Amino acid sequence: MNQKHTYRTVSAALAALLLTGAMVTPASAARPKWNWNWNNWNFIQLCPDQTVPDTTPDTDNTPDVDTTPDTDSKPDTTPDTDNKPGTDTTPDSGSVSSLERQVVALVNQERAAYGLSPLTLSADLSDGARLKSQDMRDSRYFDHNSPTYGTPFEMMRSLGITYRAAAENIAMGYRTAEAVVNGWMNSPGHRANILSDKYTEIGVGHVDGYWTQWFVNR
């Protein structure tokens, strides 16, 4: 099969990255692994599912992982009466699209099936996730690391988003909320992020077939 034909067969792509302020991916598992799924015509980037505590100094040789605590991401001590799990989480600005809301609803359906609490839809996370999707489209790349904003950690911090733990899922080429959530749920790394009990909030950004999910615990 020639290269041109191979590229034509790729209709969708996924990538997942688990990020925590005090966790590090083993160096042996840091390299992305690629897997062809011919039954679903997907091109999937799989990331390691396991992390271990960071017990060594940060040498900057482990890609995609923040290996030091985020000193600017302490939880907000001001009571938040409008953005807690189980409450009405519709942003007042109405900036979250119907497709993005559908993704959140489907994610929470999956979590409910496993006895997990629903994630709160966050306007600032959705704005940031949408900016990431737009950046991937405009800069013509598909990766966790942005040539414009850097790593997901750096991008979140640049937008004023603080966290104790965070994760990102990205996807490309899916046309519906159902399709992209099914794709993520059929990939162990993405599924782990969606079903993690470490996160309490979610943001979803969709721009012209590029999808980004941001998960945080603040």
N, C-alpha and C. Protein backbone atom coordinates (compact mmCIF):
# COMPACT_ATOMS: atom_id res chain seq x y z
N MET A 1 0.86 -1.19 0.00
CA MET A 1 0.00 0.00 0.00
C MET A 1 0.89 1.24 0.00
N ASN A 2 0.67 2.18 -0.93
CA ASN A 2 1.53 3.34 -0.98
C ASN A 2 1.14 4.37 0.06
N GLN A 3 2.03 5.33 0.26
CA GLN A 3 1.83 6.30 1.33
C GLN A 3 0.59 7.15 1.10
N LYS A 4 0.36 7.53 -0.16
CA LYS A 4 -0.77 8.38 -0.45
C LYS A 4 -2.08 7.69 -0.09
N HIS A 5 -2.16 6.41 -0.44
CA HIS A 5 -3.37 5.67 -0.13
C HIS A 5 -3.54 5.49 1.37
N THR A 6 -2.42 5.29 2.06
CA THR A 6 -2.47 5.13 3.51
C THR A 6 -3.07 6.36 4.16
N TYR A 7 -2.64 7.54 3.73
CA TYR A 7 -3.15 8.76 4.33
C TYR A 7 -4.65 8.92 4.07
N ARG A 8 -5.10 8.47 2.91
CA ARG A 8 -6.52 8.64 2.60
C ARG A 8 -7.39 7.78 3.50
N THR A 9 -6.83 6.70 4.01
CA THR A 9 -7.64 5.80 4.85
C THR A 9 -7.81 6.32 6.26
N VAL A 10 -7.05 7.31 6.65
CA VAL A 10 -7.12 7.81 8.02
C VAL A 10 -8.27 8.79 8.13
N SER A 11 -9.33 8.44 8.85
CA SER A 11 -10.48 9.31 8.97
C SER A 11 -10.61 9.95 10.33
N ALA A 12 -9.86 9.49 11.30
CA ALA A 12 -9.97 10.06 12.63
C ALA A 12 -8.72 9.75 13.41
N ALA A 13 -8.45 10.59 14.41
CA ALA A 13 -7.26 10.35 15.22
C ALA A 13 -7.52 10.77 16.64
N LEU A 14 -6.81 10.15 17.56
CA LEU A 14 -6.98 10.42 18.97
C LEU A 14 -5.64 10.54 19.65
N ALA A 15 -5.60 11.28 20.74
CA ALA A 15 -4.43 11.23 21.60
C ALA A 15 -4.85 11.57 23.01
N ALA A 16 -4.22 10.97 23.99
CA ALA A 16 -4.54 11.25 25.39
C ALA A 16 -3.27 11.50 26.16
N LEU A 17 -3.36 12.40 27.11
CA LEU A 17 -2.21 12.71 27.94
C LEU A 17 -2.67 12.89 29.37
N LEU A 18 -2.09 12.16 30.27
CA LEU A 18 -2.40 12.28 31.69
C LEU A 18 -1.40 13.21 32.33
N LEU A 19 -1.89 14.25 32.98
CA LEU A 19 -1.01 15.25 33.57
C LEU A 19 -1.35 15.41 35.04
N THR A 20 -0.39 15.34 35.92
CA THR A 20 -0.59 15.65 37.32
C THR A 20 0.59 16.44 37.83
N GLY A 21 0.33 17.33 38.79
CA GLY A 21 1.38 18.19 39.28
C GLY A 21 2.48 17.46 40.01
N ALA A 22 2.22 16.28 40.53
CA ALA A 22 3.24 15.56 41.31
C ALA A 22 3.42 14.14 40.82
N MET A 23 3.19 13.91 39.56
CA MET A 23 3.34 12.59 38.98
C MET A 23 4.26 12.67 37.77
N VAL A 24 4.91 11.54 37.45
CA VAL A 24 5.81 11.53 36.30
C VAL A 24 5.64 10.21 35.57
N THR A 25 5.68 10.26 34.24
CA THR A 25 5.62 9.05 33.44
C THR A 25 7.00 8.42 33.39
N PRO A 26 7.11 7.09 33.58
CA PRO A 26 8.43 6.45 33.47
C PRO A 26 9.07 6.74 32.13
N ALA A 27 10.39 6.95 32.14
CA ALA A 27 11.09 7.28 30.90
C ALA A 27 10.91 6.20 29.85
N SER A 28 10.83 4.94 30.29
CA SER A 28 10.68 3.84 29.34
C SER A 28 9.33 3.85 28.66
N ALA A 29 8.35 4.57 29.24
CA ALA A 29 7.02 4.61 28.65
C ALA A 29 6.70 5.95 28.04
N ALA A 30 7.71 6.83 27.93
CA ALA A 30 7.45 8.19 27.50
C ALA A 30 7.19 8.31 26.01
N ARG A 31 7.68 7.36 25.23
CA ARG A 31 7.52 7.48 23.79
C ARG A 31 6.09 7.12 23.38
N PRO A 32 5.47 7.92 22.48
CA PRO A 32 4.12 7.58 22.03
C PRO A 32 4.13 6.28 21.25
N LYS A 33 3.03 5.54 21.35
CA LYS A 33 2.88 4.29 20.63
C LYS A 33 1.72 4.45 19.65
N TRP A 34 1.95 4.04 18.41
CA TRP A 34 0.94 4.20 17.37
C TRP A 34 0.34 2.86 17.03
N ASN A 35 -0.95 2.85 16.80
CA ASN A 35 -1.65 1.60 16.53
C ASN A 35 -2.70 1.81 15.44
N TRP A 36 -2.65 0.98 14.41
CA TRP A 36 -3.67 1.03 13.36
C TRP A 36 -4.85 0.16 13.76
N ASN A 37 -6.03 0.70 13.67
CA ASN A 37 -7.24 -0.07 13.92
C ASN A 37 -8.02 -0.09 12.62
N TRP A 38 -7.80 -1.12 11.81
CA TRP A 38 -8.39 -1.14 10.47
C TRP A 38 -9.89 -1.35 10.52
N ASN A 39 -10.40 -2.00 11.56
CA ASN A 39 -11.84 -2.22 11.63
C ASN A 39 -12.61 -0.92 11.74
N ASN A 40 -12.06 0.03 12.48
CA ASN A 40 -12.73 1.31 12.66
C ASN A 40 -12.11 2.42 11.81
N TRP A 41 -11.08 2.11 11.04
CA TRP A 41 -10.41 3.10 10.21
C TRP A 41 -9.93 4.28 11.04
N ASN A 42 -9.30 3.96 12.15
CA ASN A 42 -8.79 4.99 13.04
C ASN A 42 -7.27 4.95 13.09
N PHE A 43 -6.68 6.09 13.35
CA PHE A 43 -5.25 6.20 13.63
C PHE A 43 -5.15 6.71 15.05
N ILE A 44 -4.68 5.88 15.96
CA ILE A 44 -4.76 6.18 17.38
C ILE A 44 -3.38 6.32 17.99
N GLN A 45 -3.16 7.41 18.69
CA GLN A 45 -1.93 7.57 19.46
C GLN A 45 -2.22 7.16 20.89
N LEU A 46 -1.57 6.10 21.35
CA LEU A 46 -1.78 5.59 22.69
C LEU A 46 -0.70 6.11 23.62
N CYS A 47 -1.11 6.57 24.79
CA CYS A 47 -0.17 7.03 25.80
C CYS A 47 -0.18 6.05 26.97
N PRO A 48 0.89 5.99 27.74
CA PRO A 48 0.94 5.07 28.88
C PRO A 48 -0.20 5.33 29.85
N ASP A 49 -0.72 4.27 30.44
CA ASP A 49 -1.81 4.40 31.39
C ASP A 49 -1.31 4.61 32.81
N GLN A 50 -0.08 4.17 33.10
CA GLN A 50 0.40 4.19 34.47
C GLN A 50 1.38 5.34 34.68
N THR A 51 1.33 5.89 35.88
CA THR A 51 2.31 6.88 36.30
C THR A 51 2.83 6.47 37.66
N VAL A 52 3.99 7.00 38.04
CA VAL A 52 4.56 6.72 39.35
C VAL A 52 4.94 8.03 39.99
N PRO A 53 4.99 8.10 41.34
CA PRO A 53 5.36 9.36 41.99
C PRO A 53 6.74 9.83 41.55
N ASP A 54 6.90 11.13 41.45
CA ASP A 54 8.18 11.72 41.07
C ASP A 54 9.09 11.73 42.29
N THR A 55 10.13 10.92 42.30
CA THR A 55 11.05 10.88 43.44
C THR A 55 12.44 11.36 43.06
N THR A 56 12.60 11.87 41.84
CA THR A 56 13.89 12.36 41.39
C THR A 56 13.76 13.78 40.88
N PRO A 57 14.87 14.56 40.90
CA PRO A 57 14.80 15.93 40.38
C PRO A 57 14.39 15.95 38.92
N ASP A 58 13.74 17.04 38.54
CA ASP A 58 13.29 17.21 37.16
C ASP A 58 14.50 17.51 36.28
N THR A 59 14.78 16.61 35.33
CA THR A 59 15.92 16.81 34.43
C THR A 59 15.48 17.27 33.06
N ASP A 60 14.18 17.53 32.88
CA ASP A 60 13.63 18.02 31.62
C ASP A 60 13.80 17.04 30.48
N ASN A 61 13.94 15.74 30.78
CA ASN A 61 14.09 14.78 29.69
C ASN A 61 12.91 13.83 29.58
N THR A 62 11.83 14.14 30.27
CA THR A 62 10.61 13.35 30.13
C THR A 62 9.55 14.22 29.46
N PRO A 63 9.22 13.95 28.20
CA PRO A 63 8.30 14.82 27.48
C PRO A 63 6.89 14.72 28.02
N ASP A 64 6.14 15.82 27.89
CA ASP A 64 4.71 15.85 28.11
C ASP A 64 4.28 15.68 29.56
N VAL A 65 5.20 15.78 30.50
CA VAL A 65 4.84 15.57 31.89
C VAL A 65 5.44 16.67 32.75
N ASP A 66 4.61 17.30 33.58
CA ASP A 66 5.08 18.29 34.53
C ASP A 66 5.53 17.54 35.78
N THR A 67 6.84 17.54 36.05
CA THR A 67 7.37 16.71 37.13
C THR A 67 7.59 17.48 38.43
N THR A 68 7.12 18.72 38.50
CA THR A 68 7.23 19.47 39.74
C THR A 68 5.86 20.00 40.12
N PRO A 69 5.60 20.15 41.42
CA PRO A 69 4.31 20.71 41.83
C PRO A 69 4.11 22.10 41.26
N ASP A 70 2.88 22.44 40.94
CA ASP A 70 2.55 23.74 40.39
C ASP A 70 2.30 24.69 41.55
N THR A 71 3.25 25.60 41.77
CA THR A 71 3.14 26.49 42.92
C THR A 71 2.07 27.54 42.75
N ASP A 72 1.58 27.71 41.52
CA ASP A 72 0.55 28.71 41.28
C ASP A 72 -0.83 28.09 41.16
N SER A 73 -0.97 26.81 41.55
CA SER A 73 -2.24 26.13 41.30
C SER A 73 -2.91 25.66 42.58
N LYS A 74 -2.76 26.43 43.66
CA LYS A 74 -3.42 26.07 44.90
C LYS A 74 -4.93 26.29 44.75
N PRO A 75 -5.74 25.45 45.42
CA PRO A 75 -7.19 25.59 45.29
C PRO A 75 -7.67 26.95 45.75
N ASP A 76 -8.69 27.47 45.10
CA ASP A 76 -9.31 28.72 45.49
C ASP A 76 -10.09 28.49 46.78
N THR A 77 -9.76 29.28 47.82
CA THR A 77 -10.42 29.09 49.11
C THR A 77 -11.76 29.82 49.18
N THR A 78 -12.09 30.60 48.17
CA THR A 78 -13.38 31.28 48.15
C THR A 78 -14.47 30.30 47.78
N PRO A 79 -15.54 30.19 48.59
CA PRO A 79 -16.61 29.24 48.25
C PRO A 79 -17.16 29.51 46.86
N ASP A 80 -17.36 28.45 46.11
CA ASP A 80 -17.88 28.55 44.75
C ASP A 80 -19.27 27.95 44.75
N THR A 81 -20.27 28.79 44.65
CA THR A 81 -21.65 28.32 44.74
C THR A 81 -22.26 28.00 43.40
N ASP A 82 -21.54 28.29 42.31
CA ASP A 82 -22.14 28.12 40.99
C ASP A 82 -21.49 27.03 40.17
N ASN A 83 -20.44 26.39 40.69
CA ASN A 83 -19.68 25.48 39.82
C ASN A 83 -19.24 24.22 40.58
N LYS A 84 -20.23 23.55 41.21
CA LYS A 84 -19.93 22.34 41.95
C LYS A 84 -20.62 21.16 41.28
N PRO A 85 -20.03 19.97 41.37
CA PRO A 85 -20.66 18.80 40.75
C PRO A 85 -22.08 18.60 41.25
N GLY A 86 -22.97 18.25 40.33
CA GLY A 86 -24.35 18.00 40.68
C GLY A 86 -25.23 19.22 40.62
N THR A 87 -24.65 20.41 40.38
CA THR A 87 -25.43 21.62 40.27
C THR A 87 -25.58 22.00 38.82
N ASP A 88 -26.33 23.06 38.55
CA ASP A 88 -26.51 23.54 37.19
C ASP A 88 -25.19 24.12 36.72
N THR A 89 -24.57 23.51 35.75
CA THR A 89 -23.24 23.92 35.32
C THR A 89 -23.24 24.59 33.96
N THR A 90 -24.38 25.10 33.52
CA THR A 90 -24.45 25.78 32.24
C THR A 90 -23.84 27.17 32.37
N PRO A 91 -22.77 27.49 31.63
CA PRO A 91 -22.17 28.81 31.73
C PRO A 91 -23.15 29.90 31.34
N ASP A 92 -23.15 31.02 32.07
CA ASP A 92 -24.05 32.12 31.77
C ASP A 92 -23.79 32.71 30.40
N SER A 93 -22.54 32.64 29.93
CA SER A 93 -22.19 33.27 28.66
C SER A 93 -22.80 32.55 27.48
N GLY A 94 -23.21 31.28 27.67
CA GLY A 94 -23.75 30.52 26.55
C GLY A 94 -22.72 30.22 25.49
N SER A 95 -21.42 30.26 25.88
CA SER A 95 -20.35 30.11 24.89
C SER A 95 -20.11 28.66 24.50
N VAL A 96 -20.64 27.71 25.26
CA VAL A 96 -20.41 26.30 24.97
C VAL A 96 -21.43 25.85 23.93
N SER A 97 -20.94 25.26 22.85
CA SER A 97 -21.82 24.87 21.75
C SER A 97 -22.63 23.63 22.09
N SER A 98 -23.64 23.37 21.28
CA SER A 98 -24.48 22.19 21.47
C SER A 98 -23.67 20.91 21.39
N LEU A 99 -22.76 20.82 20.41
CA LEU A 99 -21.92 19.64 20.27
C LEU A 99 -21.05 19.42 21.50
N GLU A 100 -20.48 20.51 22.01
CA GLU A 100 -19.62 20.41 23.19
C GLU A 100 -20.41 19.96 24.41
N ARG A 101 -21.63 20.47 24.55
CA ARG A 101 -22.49 20.05 25.66
C ARG A 101 -22.86 18.57 25.54
N GLN A 102 -23.07 18.13 24.31
CA GLN A 102 -23.40 16.72 24.10
C GLN A 102 -22.25 15.82 24.57
N VAL A 103 -21.01 16.25 24.28
CA VAL A 103 -19.86 15.47 24.73
C VAL A 103 -19.85 15.36 26.25
N VAL A 104 -20.09 16.47 26.93
CA VAL A 104 -20.11 16.46 28.39
C VAL A 104 -21.20 15.53 28.91
N ALA A 105 -22.39 15.61 28.30
CA ALA A 105 -23.50 14.75 28.72
C ALA A 105 -23.15 13.27 28.54
N LEU A 106 -22.53 12.94 27.40
CA LEU A 106 -22.16 11.55 27.14
C LEU A 106 -21.07 11.08 28.10
N VAL A 107 -20.11 11.95 28.38
CA VAL A 107 -19.06 11.61 29.35
C VAL A 107 -19.68 11.31 30.71
N ASN A 108 -20.62 12.14 31.14
CA ASN A 108 -21.23 11.93 32.45
C ASN A 108 -22.12 10.69 32.47
N GLN A 109 -22.69 10.33 31.32
CA GLN A 109 -23.43 9.07 31.24
C GLN A 109 -22.49 7.88 31.45
N GLU A 110 -21.32 7.96 30.83
CA GLU A 110 -20.34 6.89 31.00
C GLU A 110 -19.89 6.80 32.46
N ARG A 111 -19.66 7.94 33.08
CA ARG A 111 -19.22 7.95 34.47
C ARG A 111 -20.31 7.40 35.39
N ALA A 112 -21.56 7.77 35.11
CA ALA A 112 -22.67 7.29 35.95
C ALA A 112 -22.78 5.77 35.89
N ALA A 113 -22.49 5.20 34.73
CA ALA A 113 -22.56 3.75 34.57
C ALA A 113 -21.55 3.03 35.46
N TYR A 114 -20.50 3.75 35.86
CA TYR A 114 -19.47 3.18 36.73
C TYR A 114 -19.57 3.72 38.15
N GLY A 115 -20.67 4.37 38.47
CA GLY A 115 -20.87 4.86 39.82
C GLY A 115 -20.04 6.07 40.17
N LEU A 116 -19.58 6.81 39.17
CA LEU A 116 -18.74 7.99 39.40
C LEU A 116 -19.58 9.26 39.38
N SER A 117 -19.14 10.26 40.11
CA SER A 117 -19.84 11.55 40.13
C SER A 117 -19.71 12.24 38.78
N PRO A 118 -20.71 13.04 38.39
CA PRO A 118 -20.62 13.77 37.13
C PRO A 118 -19.56 14.86 37.21
N LEU A 119 -18.98 15.17 36.08
CA LEU A 119 -18.03 16.28 35.98
C LEU A 119 -18.80 17.57 35.74
N THR A 120 -18.34 18.63 36.35
CA THR A 120 -18.94 19.94 36.17
C THR A 120 -18.43 20.58 34.88
N LEU A 121 -19.34 21.05 34.06
CA LEU A 121 -18.97 21.76 32.84
C LEU A 121 -18.47 23.15 33.21
N SER A 122 -17.22 23.43 32.84
CA SER A 122 -16.57 24.69 33.20
C SER A 122 -16.40 25.57 31.97
N ALA A 123 -16.84 26.82 32.07
CA ALA A 123 -16.75 27.74 30.94
C ALA A 123 -15.30 28.07 30.60
N ASP A 124 -14.46 28.30 31.61
CA ASP A 124 -13.08 28.68 31.30
C ASP A 124 -12.30 27.50 30.72
N LEU A 125 -12.60 26.29 31.19
CA LEU A 125 -11.95 25.12 30.60
C LEU A 125 -12.39 24.92 29.16
N SER A 126 -13.67 25.13 28.89
CA SER A 126 -14.17 24.97 27.52
C SER A 126 -13.57 26.02 26.60
N ASP A 127 -13.44 27.24 27.09
CA ASP A 127 -12.81 28.29 26.28
C ASP A 127 -11.37 27.90 25.95
N GLY A 128 -10.64 27.39 26.94
CA GLY A 128 -9.26 26.99 26.70
C GLY A 128 -9.16 25.79 25.78
N ALA A 129 -10.04 24.81 25.97
CA ALA A 129 -10.03 23.62 25.11
C ALA A 129 -10.37 23.99 23.68
N ARG A 130 -11.30 24.92 23.51
CA ARG A 130 -11.66 25.37 22.16
C ARG A 130 -10.49 26.10 21.50
N LEU A 131 -9.77 26.90 22.30
CA LEU A 131 -8.60 27.59 21.77
C LEU A 131 -7.54 26.59 21.32
N LYS A 132 -7.38 25.49 22.07
CA LYS A 132 -6.43 24.44 21.67
C LYS A 132 -6.86 23.80 20.35
N SER A 133 -8.15 23.50 20.21
CA SER A 133 -8.65 22.91 18.96
C SER A 133 -8.45 23.88 17.79
N GLN A 134 -8.72 25.15 18.03
CA GLN A 134 -8.52 26.15 16.98
C GLN A 134 -7.06 26.27 16.60
N ASP A 135 -6.18 26.19 17.60
CA ASP A 135 -4.75 26.28 17.33
C ASP A 135 -4.28 25.08 16.50
N MET A 136 -4.79 23.89 16.81
CA MET A 136 -4.42 22.71 16.01
C MET A 136 -4.89 22.88 14.57
N ARG A 137 -6.10 23.40 14.41
CA ARG A 137 -6.60 23.61 13.05
C ARG A 137 -5.77 24.66 12.32
N ASP A 138 -5.57 25.81 12.95
CA ASP A 138 -4.90 26.93 12.28
C ASP A 138 -3.43 26.64 12.01
N SER A 139 -2.78 25.95 12.94
CA SER A 139 -1.35 25.66 12.79
C SER A 139 -1.09 24.31 12.13
N ARG A 140 -2.15 23.59 11.82
CA ARG A 140 -2.07 22.33 11.07
C ARG A 140 -1.18 21.30 11.77
N TYR A 141 -1.50 21.02 13.01
CA TYR A 141 -0.80 19.97 13.74
C TYR A 141 -1.83 19.19 14.55
N PHE A 142 -1.43 18.04 15.05
CA PHE A 142 -2.28 17.24 15.94
C PHE A 142 -1.38 16.64 17.00
N ASP A 143 -1.31 17.31 18.14
CA ASP A 143 -0.37 16.91 19.18
C ASP A 143 -0.76 17.59 20.48
N HIS A 144 -0.32 17.02 21.59
CA HIS A 144 -0.54 17.68 22.88
C HIS A 144 0.29 18.94 23.01
N ASN A 145 1.48 18.95 22.44
CA ASN A 145 2.35 20.12 22.52
C ASN A 145 2.06 21.08 21.38
N SER A 146 1.69 22.29 21.73
CA SER A 146 1.35 23.32 20.75
C SER A 146 2.57 24.17 20.42
N PRO A 147 2.80 24.46 19.13
CA PRO A 147 3.89 25.36 18.78
C PRO A 147 3.63 26.79 19.27
N THR A 148 2.39 27.07 19.59
CA THR A 148 2.01 28.41 20.05
C THR A 148 2.01 28.52 21.56
N TYR A 149 1.44 27.53 22.24
CA TYR A 149 1.20 27.62 23.68
C TYR A 149 2.06 26.66 24.51
N GLY A 150 2.76 25.75 23.88
CA GLY A 150 3.56 24.79 24.63
C GLY A 150 2.74 23.59 25.07
N THR A 151 3.11 23.01 26.21
CA THR A 151 2.42 21.84 26.72
C THR A 151 1.02 22.23 27.21
N PRO A 152 0.14 21.24 27.42
CA PRO A 152 -1.17 21.57 27.99
C PRO A 152 -1.06 22.27 29.34
N PHE A 153 -0.07 21.87 30.17
CA PHE A 153 0.16 22.55 31.45
C PHE A 153 0.44 24.03 31.24
N GLU A 154 1.37 24.29 30.32
CA GLU A 154 1.76 25.68 30.07
C GLU A 154 0.60 26.48 29.51
N MET A 155 -0.17 25.87 28.64
CA MET A 155 -1.31 26.58 28.05
C MET A 155 -2.36 26.89 29.11
N MET A 156 -2.66 25.92 29.97
CA MET A 156 -3.63 26.17 31.04
C MET A 156 -3.18 27.32 31.93
N ARG A 157 -1.91 27.28 32.33
CA ARG A 157 -1.41 28.33 33.23
C ARG A 157 -1.41 29.69 32.55
N SER A 158 -1.10 29.72 31.24
CA SER A 158 -1.10 31.00 30.53
C SER A 158 -2.49 31.60 30.45
N LEU A 159 -3.51 30.75 30.55
CA LEU A 159 -4.90 31.22 30.50
C LEU A 159 -5.46 31.46 31.90
N GLY A 160 -4.62 31.34 32.91
CA GLY A 160 -5.05 31.59 34.28
C GLY A 160 -5.82 30.43 34.90
N ILE A 161 -5.70 29.24 34.33
CA ILE A 161 -6.39 28.06 34.86
C ILE A 161 -5.46 27.36 35.85
N THR A 162 -5.88 27.28 37.09
CA THR A 162 -5.09 26.60 38.12
C THR A 162 -5.65 25.20 38.35
N TYR A 163 -4.82 24.32 38.88
CA TYR A 163 -5.24 22.93 39.05
C TYR A 163 -4.32 22.23 40.04
N ARG A 164 -4.83 21.16 40.61
CA ARG A 164 -4.00 20.22 41.37
C ARG A 164 -3.69 18.99 40.52
N ALA A 165 -4.60 18.65 39.63
CA ALA A 165 -4.37 17.57 38.67
C ALA A 165 -5.12 17.94 37.40
N ALA A 166 -4.58 17.52 36.26
CA ALA A 166 -5.21 17.87 34.99
C ALA A 166 -4.92 16.81 33.96
N ALA A 167 -5.76 16.73 32.95
CA ALA A 167 -5.56 15.79 31.85
C ALA A 167 -6.14 16.37 30.58
N GLU A 168 -5.63 15.89 29.46
CA GLU A 168 -6.12 16.34 28.15
C GLU A 168 -6.37 15.13 27.25
N ASN A 169 -7.51 15.12 26.57
CA ASN A 169 -7.78 14.21 25.46
C ASN A 169 -7.95 15.05 24.20
N ILE A 170 -7.40 14.61 23.09
CA ILE A 170 -7.64 15.28 21.82
C ILE A 170 -8.07 14.26 20.78
N ALA A 171 -8.79 14.74 19.77
CA ALA A 171 -9.25 13.88 18.69
C ALA A 171 -9.40 14.72 17.43
N MET A 172 -9.38 14.05 16.30
CA MET A 172 -9.50 14.75 15.02
C MET A 172 -10.31 13.90 14.05
N GLY A 173 -11.22 14.55 13.33
CA GLY A 173 -11.92 13.89 12.24
C GLY A 173 -13.29 13.34 12.56
N TYR A 174 -13.68 13.32 13.82
CA TYR A 174 -14.99 12.80 14.19
C TYR A 174 -16.05 13.88 13.97
N ARG A 175 -17.20 13.47 13.44
CA ARG A 175 -18.23 14.45 13.06
C ARG A 175 -19.30 14.66 14.13
N THR A 176 -19.47 13.72 15.02
CA THR A 176 -20.52 13.83 16.03
C THR A 176 -19.96 13.62 17.42
N ALA A 177 -20.72 14.09 18.41
CA ALA A 177 -20.32 13.89 19.80
C ALA A 177 -20.29 12.41 20.14
N GLU A 178 -21.27 11.66 19.65
CA GLU A 178 -21.32 10.22 19.93
C GLU A 178 -20.09 9.51 19.39
N ALA A 179 -19.69 9.87 18.17
CA ALA A 179 -18.55 9.20 17.54
C ALA A 179 -17.26 9.48 18.29
N VAL A 180 -17.04 10.72 18.68
CA VAL A 180 -15.77 11.04 19.34
C VAL A 180 -15.71 10.43 20.74
N VAL A 181 -16.82 10.44 21.47
CA VAL A 181 -16.81 9.83 22.80
C VAL A 181 -16.62 8.32 22.69
N ASN A 182 -17.26 7.70 21.71
CA ASN A 182 -17.05 6.26 21.49
C ASN A 182 -15.58 5.97 21.18
N GLY A 183 -14.97 6.83 20.36
CA GLY A 183 -13.56 6.65 20.04
C GLY A 183 -12.68 6.74 21.26
N TRP A 184 -12.94 7.74 22.09
CA TRP A 184 -12.16 7.89 23.32
C TRP A 184 -12.38 6.70 24.27
N MET A 185 -13.62 6.27 24.39
CA MET A 185 -13.93 5.17 25.32
C MET A 185 -13.34 3.85 24.85
N ASN A 186 -13.06 3.72 23.57
CA ASN A 186 -12.47 2.49 23.04
C ASN A 186 -10.94 2.52 23.06
N SER A 187 -10.36 3.58 23.63
CA SER A 187 -8.92 3.68 23.77
C SER A 187 -8.58 3.75 25.26
N PRO A 188 -7.75 2.85 25.77
CA PRO A 188 -7.52 2.77 27.22
C PRO A 188 -7.07 4.08 27.86
N GLY A 189 -6.17 4.81 27.20
CA GLY A 189 -5.68 6.05 27.80
C GLY A 189 -6.75 7.10 27.96
N HIS A 190 -7.57 7.27 26.91
CA HIS A 190 -8.64 8.27 26.96
C HIS A 190 -9.73 7.85 27.94
N ARG A 191 -10.05 6.57 27.90
CA ARG A 191 -11.06 6.02 28.80
C ARG A 191 -10.65 6.26 30.26
N ALA A 192 -9.36 6.07 30.56
CA ALA A 192 -8.88 6.28 31.92
C ALA A 192 -9.09 7.72 32.37
N ASN A 193 -8.86 8.67 31.47
CA ASN A 193 -9.09 10.07 31.82
C ASN A 193 -10.57 10.34 32.06
N ILE A 194 -11.43 9.82 31.17
CA ILE A 194 -12.87 10.06 31.28
C ILE A 194 -13.43 9.45 32.57
N LEU A 195 -12.93 8.29 32.95
CA LEU A 195 -13.47 7.58 34.11
C LEU A 195 -12.64 7.78 35.38
N SER A 196 -11.73 8.73 35.37
CA SER A 196 -10.92 8.97 36.56
C SER A 196 -11.73 9.67 37.64
N ASP A 197 -11.52 9.25 38.90
CA ASP A 197 -12.18 9.93 40.01
C ASP A 197 -11.34 11.09 40.54
N LYS A 198 -10.23 11.38 39.89
CA LYS A 198 -9.36 12.48 40.33
C LYS A 198 -9.84 13.84 39.85
N TYR A 199 -10.69 13.85 38.83
CA TYR A 199 -11.09 15.12 38.22
C TYR A 199 -12.53 15.46 38.58
N THR A 200 -12.79 16.76 38.71
CA THR A 200 -14.12 17.23 39.08
C THR A 200 -14.75 18.13 38.03
N GLU A 201 -13.94 18.68 37.13
CA GLU A 201 -14.44 19.60 36.12
C GLU A 201 -13.98 19.18 34.73
N ILE A 202 -14.75 19.59 33.73
CA ILE A 202 -14.43 19.27 32.34
C ILE A 202 -14.70 20.49 31.47
N GLY A 203 -13.89 20.63 30.43
CA GLY A 203 -14.15 21.59 29.37
C GLY A 203 -13.98 20.90 28.04
N VAL A 204 -14.80 21.25 27.08
CA VAL A 204 -14.74 20.63 25.75
C VAL A 204 -14.69 21.73 24.70
N GLY A 205 -13.78 21.58 23.74
CA GLY A 205 -13.68 22.54 22.65
C GLY A 205 -13.67 21.84 21.31
N HIS A 206 -14.57 22.25 20.41
CA HIS A 206 -14.66 21.65 19.08
C HIS A 206 -14.55 22.74 18.02
N VAL A 207 -13.62 22.56 17.09
CA VAL A 207 -13.45 23.50 15.97
C VAL A 207 -13.16 22.70 14.71
N ASP A 208 -14.09 22.69 13.78
CA ASP A 208 -13.88 22.09 12.46
C ASP A 208 -13.27 20.69 12.52
N GLY A 209 -13.85 19.83 13.31
CA GLY A 209 -13.38 18.44 13.38
C GLY A 209 -12.24 18.19 14.34
N TYR A 210 -11.72 19.22 14.98
CA TYR A 210 -10.71 19.06 16.03
C TYR A 210 -11.40 19.14 17.39
N TRP A 211 -11.11 18.18 18.24
CA TRP A 211 -11.76 18.09 19.54
C TRP A 211 -10.70 18.09 20.65
N THR A 212 -11.00 18.81 21.72
CA THR A 212 -10.14 18.80 22.91
C THR A 212 -11.00 18.68 24.15
N GLN A 213 -10.60 17.81 25.05
CA GLN A 213 -11.19 17.72 26.39
C GLN A 213 -10.13 18.11 27.41
N TRP A 214 -10.49 18.98 28.32
CA TRP A 214 -9.63 19.30 29.46
C TRP A 214 -10.34 18.87 30.74
N PHE A 215 -9.61 18.17 31.59
CA PHE A 215 -10.11 17.73 32.89
C PHE A 215 -9.24 18.35 33.98
N VAL A 216 -9.84 18.83 35.05
CA VAL A 216 -9.04 19.35 36.16
C VAL A 216 -9.67 19.02 37.50
N ASN A 217 -8.84 19.08 38.51
CA ASN A 217 -9.27 19.12 39.91
C ASN A 217 -8.55 20.33 40.49
N ARG A 218 -9.29 21.33 40.95
CA ARG A 218 -8.67 22.57 41.43
C ARG A 218 -8.57 22.56 42.94
